[in-house]
Structure formats: C-alpha cells, structure tokens
Amino acid sequence: MSRWIMHVDMDAFFASVEQHRNHPELAGRPVCVGHDPKGGNGRGVVRAASYEARAKGIHSGMPVSQAYRLCPDATFVNGEFESYGIAADEFMEVLREYADGGRVRRASIDEAYIEVTEGVEIFGSPRNLASWIQDSIWHDAKLPCSIGAAPSMSVAKVATGMNKPRGITVVGPDPLDVLKFLEPLPVTAINGIGRKTSERLEKFDITTLGQIQRMTIPELWPAMGRGSTWLYHRARGIDERPLIDNGPRVRKSISKDRTFMEDVEPGAIEYLHETLGKMCGRIGEKLQTKALRFKTVTVKMRFSDYSTIQRSKSIPVETDSPDVLQRMAVEIFDHRRDQEKSIRLVGVKVSGLREASEQLCLTEFL
C-alpha cells in the first residue's frame, strides 16, 4: 500500500474569512484586510488580499494607499483575528474526520498535513478523497482551499501551491514521478528555502531542483554546508518524517476591536464606555462557551492621529466574569486615554487563559 500525505492550505485565508463568513456580500469582490485607505491618504499596510484584489496587483504588505490607487473599488476591512482562529478550528476539525487515526499536523493557522493512506483505499483515489475534503470544508466552514497529495509531507506542500486557488494536485508514489514533478521547479519551491538561501545557491549557478537532483552531497556542500544532505533529499522528494498530531491550537488570547466610522470625540465618554461594555460582553460569552478563564486584560486605543497605545492589568486569580472584565477594561481606558485626542479605535483583549475548573472568589482581590 502506497503512503499518501495531503497538505491542505486555505486560499487567501484572512480575506476568505471576510468574504465568505463575516461579510458574505463581499464574495467575488476585491477585498483587502487592512485599514481604511482614506481615498489613498490612509496609513497602514494590507494584511491580506483576496484573489480578486491580487488580480489588480495588490499583495500583503503593500501600503493601503498604494492598494487603493491600484483598485479604488476594493473593500477594505480591519478584520478580527478572533474570527480567524474560530475559522481555523472549524476546518481543522473537518480534517480530523478524514485523517488516518484523526491525526492532524498543523503547520500554521491556515494549513495542515494529514495522512490519508487508509482513506485513499476507501475513496478509490487521492483525487476523489481530496475533492471530498474540499467540499466538506466548504460546506462546514465556508472556506475555499487547495490540496496537494503526495507520498511525503515535503512534496505534498510543494504540490499544493501549483494550482491555487481551489486546486488539487496529485503527485504519484513512484519515485520517478516525484523526481519528474520536482525537476523543473525553482529551489524556492522547497519549504525552508528562503531568499537568502536561494541567493547563496544562485552564486553557485544552482537555481532549479533538477540541478540539485543531478548533484552529489559533496558537490552541494560548498553552497549549503551542513544543510547539503537535507536539500539533497528534499530535491528528490525523500521525506520519511512520520506525521505526528501536534494537538489542537492553544488559545492564548481572545480579543475584540472596534474601528469607528468617524473619530469619536474624547468627551463622548458614555458612548465609549458602552462600546467597551459590548465588546466585553462578547468576550465573556466566548470565555464561557470555551470554558476558559482569564488573568490579564489589555485595552488598545488608536487616536485620530493614528498613534496607538496598549495598556494591561492582571489579577491574582483567573476568572470568566464579564462584570470583572468590563470593570477592568473601563478602569484601564479611563486611566490611560488621552483626553485631548479623538478616538479612532478601541480594543479589548484577555490573555493568560486557562481552562475553567473551580470558580474562585475574587472579592478579596478587587
């Protein structure tokens, strides 16, 4: 029985969450996750771009002002990292349903490896199974993804990037098929080969994996040193690492941000307190749903001049009380806000999370 590994990678993950989960009305439109470009005069960078926006030349890390000039019709959304974490948990759970033994190896928030040797036997072919997984992720998590299937983790990772978005690429188990697939690709196709390493290899006129396939480890040593054996094997698709489940994502914090459509005057304290209260209520609901307690509260404030401050306060004993959370958030906000500046954004974050067990009394601490 041939071994089969799949690498599943969400397509334009942050932007897709905004398009298909948070704002379905934006599906099919150019979307950028980033600050309001203010007609080309805004500050900040694009954190993620949908494929429709990428078609206009926009990419992550680009200033929002430049992105606006490239595509004035693009929709810019600030994004909420908490929603991305929830989406990631959902599609990872789908993968567990199809992975042999339920083992999922998270590679990042938006990609993972699963071993499907047994699943391929059931579904008849890796392509059939990959198509089924794609449909399940779309149905259950409302997210598009691309999948690479191959006999090893490293080759599956390369395969995923060949047909994005919503692509499926299968590399057969025959070692000759693997060599042929990798041969024409640039050295940067291998995960772990970045700009600096590729530049060093280029000084030795090594630019493709096919060139490395035709070399020996001693011939590769002047360019790669102790990494020569590793690259020698990766260029040939040799990767016998076992797929080990690295467990569910460990939640380190829960946060909510609110960017106001218009800057809020510093004197509108009741409105600002009400906004903080609503965010704390939503965080409190999430804490209780997830059976988590917090120890630290952080309040973020961004002013009209885009200056930003964050201030935190911790308590001796963890709690999940939304009243305690709101009281702490308001206290931090009132103590640290600049009373001369209008406010553009406020945010609340809880951290120091632990699973809830026995509820402790906090009255002696607060």
Foldseek 3Di string as FASTA:
>chain_A
DFWKKKKKFFAQQQQQCVCFPVPVVCPPHKEFAWDDCVQLNDFDWTQTIHVNLVVLVHGGPHTVSVSCVSPVRYHYHNGFVQSLQVLLLFLLQLVLVQAVVSFWADPDSGMIMGIRPVVCVVQVHPVSVVVVSQVVSCVGRVTWIFMAMERADQLRQLQRPPDPDNYYGYQDHPLVSQLVVQFAAFLVSGPPCDDVLQVLVVVVVHTGLNVLQPDDLVVCCVRQPPCSVVSSCSSSVNHDDDRGRPDDDDDFKHKDKDFDPDFAALVPLVVVLVVLLVRLVVQLVVCVVQQKWFFKKKKKWAFPVRDIDIDMDGFPDTDSDSVVNSVRRSVCCVVPPDNHTTTGMMMMMTGPMDHHDDHDDCPVTD
